[in-house]
Amino acid sequence: MKCCIGTVNSVFEAIDKINEYSGGHSATVMTTNTDIAKKFMEQVDCAVVYQMHQRVLPMADKWCRCRACY
């Protein structure tokens, strides 16, 4: 099993790296920008592409995954 996690400076850099180095199984984008997520999901060459949309709580320095935020 191979798992690659990293940060990039642009969606285009992420797409290029995934298309060059991934095994083509699956990829995930974590962003709150739906335009970036859509571009990523359309251009990544993988069998399955996931989008994780997380919101930051207004008064806390952590991610919220509760149903109320969605």
Protein backbone atom coordinates (compact mmCIF):
# COMPACT_ATOMS: atom_id res chain seq x y z
CA MET A 1 0.00 0.00 0.00
CA LYS A 2 1.27 3.47 -0.88
CA CYS A 3 0.02 6.66 0.77
CA CYS A 4 1.34 10.11 -0.13
CA ILE A 5 0.38 13.18 1.88
CA GLY A 6 1.64 16.66 1.22
CA THR A 7 0.93 20.29 0.68
CA VAL A 8 1.28 22.16 -2.59
CA ASN A 9 1.22 25.78 -3.71
CA SER A 10 -1.56 25.37 -6.27
CA VAL A 11 -4.22 22.99 -7.49
CA PHE A 12 -2.26 22.63 -10.73
CA GLU A 13 0.83 21.44 -8.84
CA ALA A 14 -1.31 18.88 -6.98
CA ILE A 15 -2.88 17.61 -10.21
CA ASP A 16 0.52 17.29 -11.92
CA LYS A 17 2.09 15.42 -8.99
CA ILE A 18 -0.82 13.03 -8.57
CA ASN A 19 -1.06 12.30 -12.28
CA GLU A 20 2.69 11.64 -12.46
CA TYR A 21 3.34 9.71 -9.24
CA SER A 22 0.09 8.10 -8.07
CA GLY A 23 -0.94 4.57 -8.85
CA GLY A 24 -4.25 5.79 -10.26
CA HIS A 25 -6.34 4.27 -7.48
CA SER A 26 -7.72 7.25 -5.54
CA ALA A 27 -7.00 10.86 -4.60
CA THR A 28 -8.42 13.37 -2.13
CA VAL A 29 -8.53 17.15 -2.08
CA MET A 30 -9.10 19.05 1.17
CA THR A 31 -10.32 22.57 0.49
CA THR A 32 -13.16 24.95 1.29
CA ASN A 33 -13.01 26.37 -2.25
CA THR A 34 -15.54 24.53 -4.42
CA ASP A 35 -14.01 25.82 -7.69
CA ILE A 36 -10.63 24.32 -6.78
CA ALA A 37 -12.26 21.06 -5.71
CA LYS A 38 -14.19 20.82 -8.98
CA LYS A 39 -11.07 21.46 -11.09
CA PHE A 40 -9.14 18.86 -9.06
CA MET A 41 -11.87 16.25 -9.38
CA GLU A 42 -12.17 16.80 -13.15
CA GLN A 43 -8.43 16.67 -13.93
CA VAL A 44 -6.94 14.04 -11.61
CA ASP A 45 -6.41 10.71 -13.37
CA CYS A 46 -7.62 8.29 -10.68
CA ALA A 47 -10.40 5.74 -10.46
CA VAL A 48 -11.92 7.49 -7.44
CA VAL A 49 -11.54 11.13 -6.38
CA TYR A 50 -12.78 12.42 -3.03
CA GLN A 51 -13.51 15.95 -1.88
CA MET A 52 -13.27 16.77 1.81
CA HIS A 53 -14.94 20.07 2.61
CA GLN A 54 -14.23 21.14 6.17
CA ARG A 55 -15.09 24.34 7.93
CA VAL A 56 -13.19 26.05 10.72
CA LEU A 57 -15.14 26.86 13.86
CA PRO A 58 -15.36 30.65 14.30
CA MET A 59 -13.93 30.78 17.83
CA ALA A 60 -11.69 27.73 17.83
CA ASP A 61 -8.48 26.64 16.17
CA LYS A 62 -9.72 23.22 15.07
CA TRP A 63 -11.73 21.62 12.28
CA CYS A 64 -15.41 20.89 12.67
CA ARG A 65 -16.87 17.71 11.20
CA CYS A 66 -20.27 17.82 12.86
CA ARG A 67 -23.51 17.59 10.89
CA ALA A 68 -24.51 21.11 11.89
CA CYS A 69 -21.71 22.59 9.77
CA TYR A 70 -22.81 20.82 6.61
